[in-house]
C-alpha cells in the first residue's frame, strides 16, 4: 500500500482519506483507470483538489489503493461467508448467490476489470493482485480440504479463476445461465468428496 504524505491521518483526516478512496473507486468503474484525475476525484469527494495530494503522493497511488481496498473487501467478504459452508454444495450455492449482483457491468465489476488490466502494465499493482489471489487460493484450498476434497489446492485455483471468469463473461453475455454453471461447478467440486464432506448432485 502507498503511504500518504505527512503524519498518519486521524479524525477528520481519516474521513477525508476514505472519501477520496471511495470517489476514486467509483470513478475507475465509470471513466476508466487512465481517465481518473485529481479534479474528478476532488469533485466527487466534495473536497479541495489540494487534499488529494496531501493524502496521496499521486493520483496513480490513490487509484491503486482504492482498487485494492475494494478488491480485498469484496473477495474476503465472499471467502469469509464461503468458509462457513459445511459442504461443497452449500459453498457453491453461497458463491453463486454472492455473484448474482455482480453483472459484469456494475461499478464494482468494472473496477475489478480495470484493475486487472492495469496490473498487466504496473508492477506494483501486479504484485498486490498476485498476493491477493494467492491468499484467496489458500483460503479456498483450506475450505475445500475441510470439506474432504481430494485435491484442494488445484481445485481452489480453478475455483478462484472461475469467479473472475464469470464476471468477465457476464460483461458481454448478460443472459449467461448461472443456474447451469452452478450445477456443473457443484458436480465438479463434489467429485470424490465423502458424503459427510460434500454431496454429489
N, C-alpha and C. Protein backbone atom coordinates (compact mmCIF):
# COMPACT_ATOMS: atom_id res chain seq x y z
N UNK A 1 0.83 -1.19 0.00
CA UNK A 1 0.00 0.00 0.00
C UNK A 1 0.87 1.25 0.00
N UNK A 2 0.33 2.30 -0.54
CA UNK A 2 1.07 3.55 -0.60
C UNK A 2 0.74 4.40 0.59
N UNK A 3 1.75 4.94 1.23
CA UNK A 3 1.53 5.82 2.38
C UNK A 3 1.29 7.23 1.90
N UNK A 4 0.42 7.95 2.60
CA UNK A 4 0.19 9.34 2.27
C UNK A 4 1.31 10.20 2.79
N UNK A 5 1.34 11.45 2.41
CA UNK A 5 2.37 12.35 2.89
C UNK A 5 2.07 12.79 4.31
N UNK A 6 3.11 13.13 5.04
CA UNK A 6 2.92 13.66 6.39
C UNK A 6 2.52 12.58 7.38
N UNK A 7 2.10 12.99 8.58
CA UNK A 7 1.73 12.04 9.62
C UNK A 7 0.46 11.29 9.25
N UNK A 8 0.26 10.15 9.90
CA UNK A 8 -0.94 9.35 9.65
C UNK A 8 -2.17 10.19 9.96
N UNK A 9 -3.18 10.17 9.07
CA UNK A 9 -4.37 10.98 9.30
C UNK A 9 -5.18 10.47 10.48
N UNK A 10 -5.86 11.36 11.16
CA UNK A 10 -6.73 10.95 12.25
C UNK A 10 -7.97 11.83 12.23
N UNK A 11 -9.06 11.33 12.78
CA UNK A 11 -10.27 12.13 12.86
C UNK A 11 -10.77 12.54 11.50
N UNK A 12 -10.87 13.83 11.29
CA UNK A 12 -11.40 14.36 10.03
C UNK A 12 -10.51 13.95 8.86
N UNK A 13 -9.20 13.86 9.11
CA UNK A 13 -8.29 13.47 8.04
C UNK A 13 -8.57 12.06 7.55
N UNK A 14 -8.89 11.14 8.46
CA UNK A 14 -9.24 9.78 8.06
C UNK A 14 -10.52 9.76 7.25
N UNK A 15 -11.47 10.57 7.66
CA UNK A 15 -12.74 10.64 6.92
C UNK A 15 -12.51 11.17 5.52
N UNK A 16 -11.66 12.19 5.38
CA UNK A 16 -11.37 12.75 4.06
C UNK A 16 -10.67 11.73 3.19
N UNK A 17 -9.70 11.03 3.78
CA UNK A 17 -8.98 9.99 3.03
C UNK A 17 -9.94 8.92 2.53
N UNK A 18 -10.87 8.50 3.39
CA UNK A 18 -11.84 7.48 3.00
C UNK A 18 -12.73 7.99 1.86
N UNK A 19 -13.12 9.26 1.93
CA UNK A 19 -13.95 9.83 0.86
C UNK A 19 -13.20 9.86 -0.46
N UNK A 20 -11.92 10.18 -0.41
CA UNK A 20 -11.12 10.19 -1.62
C UNK A 20 -10.99 8.78 -2.22
N UNK A 21 -10.81 7.80 -1.37
CA UNK A 21 -10.72 6.41 -1.85
C UNK A 21 -12.03 5.96 -2.46
N UNK A 22 -13.13 6.30 -1.80
CA UNK A 22 -14.44 5.94 -2.34
C UNK A 22 -14.68 6.60 -3.69
N UNK A 23 -14.32 7.88 -3.78
CA UNK A 23 -14.52 8.61 -5.02
C UNK A 23 -13.69 8.02 -6.15
N UNK A 24 -12.44 7.70 -5.86
CA UNK A 24 -11.57 7.12 -6.88
C UNK A 24 -12.09 5.77 -7.34
N UNK A 25 -12.56 4.95 -6.41
CA UNK A 25 -13.09 3.64 -6.76
C UNK A 25 -14.30 3.77 -7.68
N UNK A 26 -15.18 4.71 -7.38
CA UNK A 26 -16.36 4.93 -8.23
C UNK A 26 -15.95 5.36 -9.63
N UNK A 27 -14.98 6.26 -9.69
CA UNK A 27 -14.58 6.83 -10.98
C UNK A 27 -13.86 5.82 -11.86
N UNK A 28 -13.10 4.92 -11.27
CA UNK A 28 -12.41 3.91 -12.09
C UNK A 28 -13.42 3.11 -12.89
N UNK A 29 -14.52 2.71 -12.25
CA UNK A 29 -15.53 1.95 -12.96
C UNK A 29 -16.31 2.77 -13.98
N UNK A 30 -16.39 4.07 -13.75
CA UNK A 30 -17.19 4.93 -14.63
C UNK A 30 -16.41 5.44 -15.84
N UNK A 31 -15.19 5.91 -15.61
CA UNK A 31 -14.45 6.57 -16.70
C UNK A 31 -13.20 5.81 -17.12
N UNK A 32 -12.83 4.76 -16.38
CA UNK A 32 -11.63 4.02 -16.73
C UNK A 32 -10.43 4.47 -15.92
N UNK A 33 -9.50 3.55 -15.73
CA UNK A 33 -8.32 3.78 -14.90
C UNK A 33 -7.57 5.05 -15.31
N UNK A 34 -7.25 5.17 -16.59
CA UNK A 34 -6.41 6.26 -17.06
C UNK A 34 -7.07 7.62 -17.07
N UNK A 35 -8.39 7.68 -16.96
CA UNK A 35 -9.10 8.96 -17.04
C UNK A 35 -9.36 9.58 -15.67
N UNK A 36 -9.03 8.87 -14.61
CA UNK A 36 -9.24 9.42 -13.27
C UNK A 36 -8.21 10.52 -13.02
N UNK A 37 -8.67 11.69 -12.61
CA UNK A 37 -7.78 12.83 -12.41
C UNK A 37 -8.00 13.42 -11.02
N UNK A 38 -7.06 14.28 -10.62
CA UNK A 38 -7.18 14.98 -9.34
C UNK A 38 -8.49 15.75 -9.27
N UNK A 39 -8.80 16.47 -10.35
CA UNK A 39 -10.02 17.28 -10.37
C UNK A 39 -11.27 16.43 -10.21
N UNK A 40 -11.35 15.32 -10.95
CA UNK A 40 -12.53 14.47 -10.88
C UNK A 40 -12.71 13.87 -9.49
N UNK A 41 -11.60 13.42 -8.91
CA UNK A 41 -11.68 12.81 -7.57
C UNK A 41 -12.12 13.85 -6.55
N UNK A 42 -11.52 15.04 -6.61
CA UNK A 42 -11.85 16.09 -5.64
C UNK A 42 -13.32 16.49 -5.77
N UNK A 43 -13.79 16.63 -7.00
CA UNK A 43 -15.20 17.00 -7.21
C UNK A 43 -16.13 15.92 -6.67
N UNK A 44 -15.82 14.66 -6.96
CA UNK A 44 -16.67 13.57 -6.50
C UNK A 44 -16.67 13.47 -4.98
N UNK A 45 -15.51 13.69 -4.37
CA UNK A 45 -15.39 13.60 -2.91
C UNK A 45 -15.90 14.85 -2.21
N UNK A 46 -16.05 15.95 -2.97
CA UNK A 46 -16.50 17.20 -2.37
C UNK A 46 -15.45 17.87 -1.52
N UNK A 47 -14.18 17.79 -1.97
CA UNK A 47 -13.09 18.40 -1.21
C UNK A 47 -12.23 19.25 -2.14
N UNK A 48 -11.34 20.01 -1.54
CA UNK A 48 -10.39 20.81 -2.31
C UNK A 48 -9.38 19.88 -3.00
N UNK A 49 -9.04 20.21 -4.23
CA UNK A 49 -8.12 19.36 -5.00
C UNK A 49 -6.78 19.17 -4.31
N UNK A 50 -6.34 20.16 -3.54
CA UNK A 50 -5.06 20.04 -2.85
C UNK A 50 -5.02 18.90 -1.86
N UNK A 51 -6.18 18.50 -1.34
CA UNK A 51 -6.22 17.41 -0.36
C UNK A 51 -5.89 16.06 -0.98
N UNK A 52 -6.09 15.94 -2.29
CA UNK A 52 -5.75 14.68 -2.96
C UNK A 52 -4.26 14.41 -2.80
N UNK A 53 -3.45 15.44 -3.04
CA UNK A 53 -2.00 15.26 -2.97
C UNK A 53 -1.46 15.41 -1.55
N UNK A 54 -2.29 15.88 -0.65
CA UNK A 54 -1.88 15.87 0.77
C UNK A 54 -1.93 14.45 1.31
N UNK A 55 -2.96 13.71 0.92
CA UNK A 55 -3.15 12.36 1.45
C UNK A 55 -2.46 11.28 0.60
N UNK A 56 -2.20 11.57 -0.67
CA UNK A 56 -1.60 10.57 -1.57
C UNK A 56 -0.52 11.23 -2.40
N UNK A 57 0.56 10.50 -2.63
CA UNK A 57 1.69 11.09 -3.34
C UNK A 57 1.39 11.34 -4.81
N UNK A 58 0.39 10.63 -5.37
CA UNK A 58 0.00 10.83 -6.76
C UNK A 58 -1.40 10.26 -6.96
N UNK A 59 -2.03 10.65 -8.06
CA UNK A 59 -3.33 10.10 -8.40
C UNK A 59 -3.21 8.59 -8.65
N UNK A 60 -2.11 8.18 -9.27
CA UNK A 60 -1.91 6.75 -9.53
C UNK A 60 -1.89 5.95 -8.23
N UNK A 61 -1.23 6.49 -7.21
CA UNK A 61 -1.19 5.80 -5.92
C UNK A 61 -2.57 5.75 -5.28
N UNK A 62 -3.31 6.84 -5.40
CA UNK A 62 -4.67 6.88 -4.87
C UNK A 62 -5.54 5.83 -5.56
N UNK A 63 -5.48 5.79 -6.87
CA UNK A 63 -6.31 4.84 -7.62
C UNK A 63 -5.92 3.40 -7.29
N UNK A 64 -4.62 3.15 -7.21
CA UNK A 64 -4.16 1.79 -6.89
C UNK A 64 -4.67 1.36 -5.52
N UNK A 65 -4.57 2.24 -4.53
CA UNK A 65 -5.03 1.89 -3.20
C UNK A 65 -6.55 1.71 -3.18
N UNK A 66 -7.27 2.55 -3.91
CA UNK A 66 -8.73 2.45 -3.95
C UNK A 66 -9.16 1.11 -4.56
N UNK A 67 -8.51 0.72 -5.64
CA UNK A 67 -8.86 -0.53 -6.31
C UNK A 67 -8.54 -1.73 -5.42
N UNK A 68 -7.38 -1.73 -4.80
CA UNK A 68 -7.01 -2.87 -3.97
C UNK A 68 -7.88 -2.94 -2.72
N UNK A 69 -8.25 -1.80 -2.16
CA UNK A 69 -9.14 -1.83 -0.99
C UNK A 69 -10.48 -2.45 -1.36
N UNK A 70 -11.03 -2.02 -2.49
CA UNK A 70 -12.32 -2.56 -2.92
C UNK A 70 -12.21 -4.04 -3.25
N UNK A 71 -11.13 -4.42 -3.92
CA UNK A 71 -10.95 -5.83 -4.28
C UNK A 71 -10.84 -6.71 -3.04
N UNK A 72 -10.05 -6.26 -2.07
CA UNK A 72 -9.90 -7.06 -0.85
C UNK A 72 -11.22 -7.19 -0.11
N UNK A 73 -11.95 -6.09 -0.01
CA UNK A 73 -13.23 -6.14 0.71
C UNK A 73 -14.18 -7.13 0.06
N UNK A 74 -14.24 -7.11 -1.28
CA UNK A 74 -15.17 -7.98 -1.99
C UNK A 74 -14.79 -9.44 -1.87
N UNK A 75 -13.51 -9.75 -2.15
CA UNK A 75 -13.14 -11.17 -2.18
C UNK A 75 -13.12 -11.78 -0.78
N UNK A 76 -12.72 -11.00 0.22
CA UNK A 76 -12.68 -11.58 1.56
C UNK A 76 -14.08 -11.67 2.18
N UNK A 77 -14.98 -10.82 1.74
CA UNK A 77 -16.36 -10.99 2.16
C UNK A 77 -16.88 -12.32 1.63
N UNK A 78 -16.59 -12.60 0.37
CA UNK A 78 -17.00 -13.87 -0.22
C UNK A 78 -16.35 -15.05 0.49
N UNK A 79 -15.04 -14.99 0.67
CA UNK A 79 -14.32 -16.11 1.27
C UNK A 79 -14.77 -16.35 2.71
N UNK A 80 -15.01 -15.29 3.45
CA UNK A 80 -15.45 -15.45 4.84
C UNK A 80 -16.81 -16.14 4.91
N UNK A 81 -17.73 -15.75 4.03
CA UNK A 81 -19.04 -16.39 4.01
C UNK A 81 -18.91 -17.83 3.55
N UNK A 82 -18.09 -18.04 2.51
CA UNK A 82 -17.91 -19.37 1.95
C UNK A 82 -17.30 -20.33 2.97
N UNK A 83 -16.38 -19.82 3.78
CA UNK A 83 -15.68 -20.68 4.73
C UNK A 83 -16.61 -21.23 5.80
N UNK A 84 -17.78 -20.61 5.95
CA UNK A 84 -18.73 -21.10 6.95
C UNK A 84 -19.65 -22.20 6.40
N UNK A 85 -19.58 -22.43 5.08
CA UNK A 85 -20.37 -23.50 4.49
C UNK A 85 -19.77 -24.85 4.90
N UNK A 86 -20.61 -25.78 5.28
CA UNK A 86 -20.13 -27.06 5.82
C UNK A 86 -19.93 -28.13 4.77
N UNK A 87 -20.37 -27.89 3.55
CA UNK A 87 -20.14 -28.87 2.48
C UNK A 87 -20.03 -28.13 1.15
N UNK A 88 -19.60 -28.86 0.12
CA UNK A 88 -19.34 -28.25 -1.18
C UNK A 88 -20.60 -27.64 -1.78
N UNK A 89 -21.70 -28.37 -1.73
CA UNK A 89 -22.93 -27.86 -2.33
C UNK A 89 -23.34 -26.53 -1.70
N UNK A 90 -23.32 -26.47 -0.39
CA UNK A 90 -23.68 -25.22 0.30
C UNK A 90 -22.72 -24.10 -0.08
N UNK A 91 -21.44 -24.44 -0.23
CA UNK A 91 -20.46 -23.43 -0.61
C UNK A 91 -20.68 -22.88 -2.00
N UNK A 92 -20.98 -23.77 -2.95
CA UNK A 92 -21.24 -23.32 -4.32
C UNK A 92 -22.51 -22.48 -4.37
N UNK A 93 -23.53 -22.89 -3.62
CA UNK A 93 -24.75 -22.09 -3.54
C UNK A 93 -24.43 -20.68 -3.02
N UNK A 94 -23.58 -20.63 -2.00
CA UNK A 94 -23.17 -19.35 -1.43
C UNK A 94 -22.44 -18.50 -2.47
N UNK A 95 -21.53 -19.13 -3.19
CA UNK A 95 -20.75 -18.42 -4.21
C UNK A 95 -21.65 -17.78 -5.26
N UNK A 96 -22.54 -18.57 -5.82
CA UNK A 96 -23.38 -18.04 -6.89
C UNK A 96 -24.39 -17.01 -6.38
N UNK A 97 -24.84 -17.19 -5.17
CA UNK A 97 -25.71 -16.17 -4.59
C UNK A 97 -24.97 -14.85 -4.42
N UNK A 98 -23.69 -14.95 -4.05
CA UNK A 98 -22.87 -13.75 -3.87
C UNK A 98 -22.59 -13.08 -5.21
N UNK A 99 -22.40 -13.89 -6.26
CA UNK A 99 -22.01 -13.34 -7.56
C UNK A 99 -23.16 -12.72 -8.34
N UNK A 100 -24.38 -13.09 -8.05
CA UNK A 100 -25.51 -12.63 -8.87
C UNK A 100 -25.59 -11.10 -9.01
N UNK A 101 -25.37 -10.33 -7.94
CA UNK A 101 -25.43 -8.87 -8.12
C UNK A 101 -24.31 -8.30 -8.99
N UNK A 102 -23.24 -9.10 -9.18
CA UNK A 102 -22.11 -8.63 -9.99
C UNK A 102 -22.39 -9.02 -11.44
N UNK A 103 -22.94 -8.09 -12.19
CA UNK A 103 -23.42 -8.37 -13.54
C UNK A 103 -22.33 -8.29 -14.60
N UNK A 104 -21.17 -7.80 -14.23
CA UNK A 104 -20.13 -7.55 -15.21
C UNK A 104 -20.15 -6.13 -15.72
N UNK A 105 -21.26 -5.43 -15.51
CA UNK A 105 -21.36 -4.04 -15.94
C UNK A 105 -21.64 -3.10 -14.77
N UNK A 106 -21.76 -3.64 -13.56
CA UNK A 106 -21.95 -2.80 -12.39
C UNK A 106 -20.62 -2.14 -12.01
N UNK A 107 -20.63 -1.07 -11.21
CA UNK A 107 -19.39 -0.35 -10.89
C UNK A 107 -18.30 -1.23 -10.27
N UNK A 108 -18.68 -2.14 -9.37
CA UNK A 108 -17.67 -2.98 -8.71
C UNK A 108 -17.01 -3.93 -9.70
N UNK A 109 -17.79 -4.53 -10.59
CA UNK A 109 -17.23 -5.43 -11.59
C UNK A 109 -16.29 -4.69 -12.53
N UNK A 110 -16.74 -3.51 -12.99
CA UNK A 110 -15.91 -2.72 -13.89
C UNK A 110 -14.61 -2.30 -13.23
N UNK A 111 -14.68 -1.96 -11.95
CA UNK A 111 -13.47 -1.59 -11.21
C UNK A 111 -12.48 -2.74 -11.19
N UNK A 112 -12.98 -3.96 -10.93
CA UNK A 112 -12.09 -5.12 -10.88
C UNK A 112 -11.45 -5.37 -12.25
N UNK A 113 -12.23 -5.24 -13.30
CA UNK A 113 -11.69 -5.45 -14.64
C UNK A 113 -10.63 -4.42 -14.98
N UNK A 114 -10.91 -3.17 -14.64
CA UNK A 114 -9.92 -2.12 -14.88
C UNK A 114 -8.64 -2.39 -14.07
N UNK A 115 -8.82 -2.88 -12.85
CA UNK A 115 -7.67 -3.17 -12.01
C UNK A 115 -6.81 -4.28 -12.58
N UNK A 116 -7.44 -5.36 -13.02
CA UNK A 116 -6.69 -6.47 -13.61
C UNK A 116 -5.94 -6.02 -14.86
N UNK A 117 -6.61 -5.22 -15.70
CA UNK A 117 -5.95 -4.73 -16.91
C UNK A 117 -4.76 -3.85 -16.57
N UNK A 118 -4.95 -2.95 -15.62
CA UNK A 118 -3.85 -2.06 -15.23
C UNK A 118 -2.70 -2.86 -14.64
N UNK A 119 -3.02 -3.98 -13.97
CA UNK A 119 -1.98 -4.79 -13.34
C UNK A 119 -1.03 -5.42 -14.37
N UNK A 120 -1.47 -5.53 -15.61
CA UNK A 120 -0.58 -6.07 -16.65
C UNK A 120 0.49 -5.05 -17.05
N UNK A 121 0.29 -3.79 -16.64
CA UNK A 121 1.24 -2.73 -17.01
C UNK A 121 1.98 -2.14 -15.82
N UNK A 122 1.43 -2.32 -14.61
CA UNK A 122 2.02 -1.70 -13.43
C UNK A 122 2.53 -2.78 -12.47
N UNK A 123 3.83 -2.77 -12.25
CA UNK A 123 4.46 -3.83 -11.47
C UNK A 123 3.95 -3.87 -10.03
N UNK A 124 3.80 -2.72 -9.40
CA UNK A 124 3.35 -2.69 -8.01
C UNK A 124 1.95 -3.26 -7.88
N UNK A 125 1.07 -2.83 -8.77
CA UNK A 125 -0.31 -3.32 -8.74
C UNK A 125 -0.35 -4.81 -9.05
N UNK A 126 0.46 -5.26 -9.98
CA UNK A 126 0.52 -6.68 -10.32
C UNK A 126 0.92 -7.51 -9.11
N UNK A 127 1.91 -7.03 -8.37
CA UNK A 127 2.36 -7.76 -7.19
C UNK A 127 1.28 -7.81 -6.12
N UNK A 128 0.54 -6.73 -5.97
CA UNK A 128 -0.53 -6.71 -4.96
C UNK A 128 -1.67 -7.64 -5.34
N UNK A 129 -2.03 -7.64 -6.63
CA UNK A 129 -3.08 -8.55 -7.08
C UNK A 129 -2.62 -10.00 -6.95
N UNK A 130 -1.36 -10.26 -7.29
CA UNK A 130 -0.84 -11.62 -7.18
C UNK A 130 -0.90 -12.12 -5.75
N UNK A 131 -0.53 -11.26 -4.80
CA UNK A 131 -0.57 -11.64 -3.39
C UNK A 131 -2.00 -11.90 -2.94
N UNK A 132 -2.93 -11.07 -3.42
CA UNK A 132 -4.34 -11.25 -3.06
C UNK A 132 -4.87 -12.57 -3.62
N UNK A 133 -4.55 -12.86 -4.88
CA UNK A 133 -5.01 -14.11 -5.49
C UNK A 133 -4.45 -15.32 -4.75
N UNK A 134 -3.18 -15.25 -4.38
CA UNK A 134 -2.58 -16.38 -3.66
C UNK A 134 -3.25 -16.59 -2.31
N UNK A 135 -3.57 -15.50 -1.64
CA UNK A 135 -4.22 -15.63 -0.33
C UNK A 135 -5.63 -16.22 -0.49
N UNK A 136 -6.34 -15.76 -1.51
CA UNK A 136 -7.68 -16.30 -1.76
C UNK A 136 -7.60 -17.78 -2.10
N UNK A 137 -6.66 -18.15 -2.95
CA UNK A 137 -6.50 -19.57 -3.30
C UNK A 137 -6.24 -20.42 -2.06
N UNK A 138 -5.38 -19.90 -1.17
CA UNK A 138 -5.06 -20.67 0.03
C UNK A 138 -6.28 -20.85 0.91
N UNK A 139 -7.05 -19.79 1.06
CA UNK A 139 -8.24 -19.89 1.92
C UNK A 139 -9.29 -20.79 1.29
N UNK A 140 -9.43 -20.74 -0.02
CA UNK A 140 -10.35 -21.67 -0.69
C UNK A 140 -9.87 -23.10 -0.55
N UNK A 141 -8.55 -23.30 -0.66
CA UNK A 141 -8.00 -24.65 -0.51
C UNK A 141 -8.23 -25.17 0.90
N UNK A 142 -8.08 -24.33 1.89
CA UNK A 142 -8.33 -24.74 3.27
C UNK A 142 -9.78 -25.18 3.44
N UNK A 143 -10.70 -24.41 2.83
CA UNK A 143 -12.12 -24.75 2.94
C UNK A 143 -12.42 -26.08 2.24
N UNK A 144 -11.89 -26.25 1.03
CA UNK A 144 -12.12 -27.49 0.30
C UNK A 144 -11.54 -28.68 1.04
N UNK A 145 -10.36 -28.50 1.63
CA UNK A 145 -9.76 -29.58 2.41
C UNK A 145 -10.64 -29.95 3.60
N UNK A 146 -11.21 -28.94 4.25
CA UNK A 146 -12.10 -29.20 5.39
C UNK A 146 -13.36 -29.93 4.94
N UNK A 147 -13.76 -29.72 3.67
CA UNK A 147 -14.93 -30.44 3.12
C UNK A 147 -14.58 -31.84 2.68
N UNK A 148 -13.28 -32.19 2.74
CA UNK A 148 -12.85 -33.53 2.34
C UNK A 148 -12.50 -33.66 0.87
N UNK A 149 -12.23 -32.53 0.19
CA UNK A 149 -11.90 -32.60 -1.23
C UNK A 149 -10.54 -33.28 -1.42
N UNK A 150 -10.43 -34.20 -2.41
CA UNK A 150 -9.17 -34.94 -2.59
C UNK A 150 -8.04 -34.12 -3.20
N UNK A 151 -8.34 -33.02 -3.86
CA UNK A 151 -7.30 -32.19 -4.50
C UNK A 151 -7.61 -30.72 -4.26
N UNK A 152 -7.52 -30.27 -3.01
CA UNK A 152 -7.99 -28.92 -2.69
C UNK A 152 -7.18 -27.80 -3.30
N UNK A 153 -5.87 -27.96 -3.45
CA UNK A 153 -5.03 -26.85 -3.92
C UNK A 153 -5.32 -26.51 -5.38
N UNK A 154 -5.26 -27.50 -6.26
CA UNK A 154 -5.53 -27.25 -7.68
C UNK A 154 -6.97 -26.81 -7.89
N UNK A 155 -7.88 -27.45 -7.18
CA UNK A 155 -9.30 -27.10 -7.33
C UNK A 155 -9.57 -25.69 -6.85
N UNK A 156 -8.87 -25.24 -5.83
CA UNK A 156 -9.03 -23.87 -5.35
C UNK A 156 -8.58 -22.88 -6.41
N UNK A 157 -7.51 -23.20 -7.12
CA UNK A 157 -7.05 -22.32 -8.20
C UNK A 157 -8.08 -22.21 -9.30
N UNK A 158 -8.68 -23.34 -9.67
CA UNK A 158 -9.72 -23.34 -10.70
C UNK A 158 -10.94 -22.57 -10.20
N UNK A 159 -11.30 -22.77 -8.94
CA UNK A 159 -12.46 -22.11 -8.35
C UNK A 159 -12.26 -20.59 -8.36
N UNK A 160 -11.08 -20.12 -7.98
CA UNK A 160 -10.79 -18.69 -7.97
C UNK A 160 -10.85 -18.11 -9.38
N UNK A 161 -10.29 -18.84 -10.35
CA UNK A 161 -10.32 -18.38 -11.74
C UNK A 161 -11.74 -18.36 -12.28
N UNK A 162 -12.56 -19.31 -11.83
CA UNK A 162 -13.95 -19.35 -12.25
C UNK A 162 -14.68 -18.08 -11.85
N UNK A 163 -14.43 -17.61 -10.63
CA UNK A 163 -15.10 -16.40 -10.16
C UNK A 163 -14.76 -15.21 -11.07
N UNK A 164 -13.46 -15.05 -11.36
CA UNK A 164 -13.06 -13.95 -12.24
C UNK A 164 -13.64 -14.13 -13.63
N UNK A 165 -13.61 -15.35 -14.14
CA UNK A 165 -14.11 -15.61 -15.48
C UNK A 165 -15.59 -15.33 -15.63
N UNK A 166 -16.36 -15.69 -14.62
CA UNK A 166 -17.80 -15.43 -14.69
C UNK A 166 -18.08 -13.93 -14.77
N UNK A 167 -17.32 -13.14 -13.99
CA UNK A 167 -17.52 -11.68 -14.04
C UNK A 167 -17.20 -11.14 -15.43
N UNK A 168 -16.11 -11.63 -16.03
CA UNK A 168 -15.74 -11.18 -17.37
C UNK A 168 -16.79 -11.58 -18.40
N UNK A 169 -17.24 -12.81 -18.32
CA UNK A 169 -18.20 -13.30 -19.30
C UNK A 169 -19.55 -12.59 -19.18
N UNK A 170 -19.95 -12.29 -17.96
CA UNK A 170 -21.25 -11.63 -17.78
C UNK A 170 -21.25 -10.22 -18.35
N UNK A 171 -20.07 -9.61 -18.47
CA UNK A 171 -20.00 -8.27 -19.04
C UNK A 171 -20.42 -8.26 -20.51
N UNK A 172 -20.19 -9.38 -21.21
CA UNK A 172 -20.54 -9.45 -22.64
C UNK A 172 -21.66 -10.45 -22.91
N UNK A 173 -21.98 -11.27 -21.92
CA UNK A 173 -23.07 -12.24 -22.05
C UNK A 173 -24.02 -12.06 -20.87
N UNK A 174 -24.82 -11.00 -20.88
CA UNK A 174 -25.67 -10.71 -19.73
C UNK A 174 -26.71 -11.79 -19.44
N UNK A 175 -27.03 -12.62 -20.43
CA UNK A 175 -28.04 -13.67 -20.24
C UNK A 175 -27.40 -15.02 -19.89
N UNK A 176 -26.18 -14.99 -19.41
CA UNK A 176 -25.48 -16.21 -19.03
C UNK A 176 -26.32 -17.02 -18.04
N UNK A 177 -26.44 -18.32 -18.29
CA UNK A 177 -27.27 -19.19 -17.45
C UNK A 177 -26.48 -19.60 -16.21
N UNK A 178 -26.59 -18.78 -15.17
CA UNK A 178 -25.83 -19.06 -13.95
C UNK A 178 -26.27 -20.36 -13.28
N UNK A 179 -27.54 -20.72 -13.41
CA UNK A 179 -28.01 -21.96 -12.79
C UNK A 179 -27.31 -23.17 -13.39
N UNK A 180 -27.13 -23.16 -14.72
CA UNK A 180 -26.44 -24.27 -15.37
C UNK A 180 -24.99 -24.34 -14.91
N UNK A 181 -24.34 -23.19 -14.82
CA UNK A 181 -22.96 -23.17 -14.33
C UNK A 181 -22.90 -23.66 -12.89
N UNK A 182 -23.86 -23.25 -12.10
CA UNK A 182 -23.87 -23.65 -10.69
C UNK A 182 -23.98 -25.16 -10.55
N UNK A 183 -24.85 -25.79 -11.33
CA UNK A 183 -24.98 -27.25 -11.26
C UNK A 183 -23.69 -27.94 -11.67
N UNK A 184 -23.06 -27.41 -12.72
CA UNK A 184 -21.82 -28.02 -13.21
C UNK A 184 -20.69 -27.88 -12.20
N UNK A 185 -20.56 -26.70 -11.62
CA UNK A 185 -19.50 -26.48 -10.63
C UNK A 185 -19.73 -27.35 -9.40
N UNK A 186 -20.97 -27.52 -8.99
CA UNK A 186 -21.27 -28.38 -7.85
C UNK A 186 -20.83 -29.81 -8.14
N UNK A 187 -21.13 -30.31 -9.34
CA UNK A 187 -20.71 -31.68 -9.70
C UNK A 187 -19.20 -31.80 -9.71
N UNK A 188 -18.54 -30.79 -10.31
CA UNK A 188 -17.07 -30.84 -10.41
C UNK A 188 -16.41 -30.86 -9.04
N UNK A 189 -16.82 -29.95 -8.16
CA UNK A 189 -16.17 -29.84 -6.87
C UNK A 189 -16.58 -30.95 -5.90
N UNK A 190 -17.73 -31.57 -6.16
CA UNK A 190 -18.19 -32.65 -5.27
C UNK A 190 -17.56 -33.99 -5.62
N UNK A 191 -16.93 -34.07 -6.80
CA UNK A 191 -16.35 -35.35 -7.23
C UNK A 191 -15.30 -35.83 -6.24
N UNK A 192 -15.50 -37.02 -5.72
CA UNK A 192 -14.53 -37.62 -4.82
C UNK A 192 -14.62 -37.17 -3.38
N UNK A 193 -15.58 -36.27 -3.07
CA UNK A 193 -15.73 -35.80 -1.70
C UNK A 193 -16.61 -36.77 -0.93
N UNK A 194 -16.19 -37.21 0.26
CA UNK A 194 -17.02 -38.13 1.04
C UNK A 194 -18.38 -37.51 1.35
N UNK A 195 -19.36 -38.37 1.59
CA UNK A 195 -20.71 -37.90 1.85
C UNK A 195 -20.78 -36.87 2.97
N UNK A 196 -19.99 -37.08 4.02
CA UNK A 196 -20.06 -36.14 5.14
C UNK A 196 -19.41 -34.81 4.82
N UNK A 197 -18.57 -34.75 3.75
CA UNK A 197 -17.90 -33.50 3.41
C UNK A 197 -18.54 -32.78 2.25
N UNK A 198 -19.21 -33.49 1.38
CA UNK A 198 -19.87 -32.88 0.23
C UNK A 198 -20.77 -33.90 -0.40
N UNK A 199 -21.81 -33.45 -1.04
CA UNK A 199 -22.78 -34.36 -1.58
C UNK A 199 -22.80 -34.27 -3.09
N UNK A 200 -22.74 -35.40 -3.75
CA UNK A 200 -22.84 -35.41 -5.20
C UNK A 200 -24.25 -35.05 -5.61
N UNK A 201 -24.36 -34.34 -6.74
CA UNK A 201 -25.70 -33.98 -7.21
C UNK A 201 -26.34 -35.17 -7.86
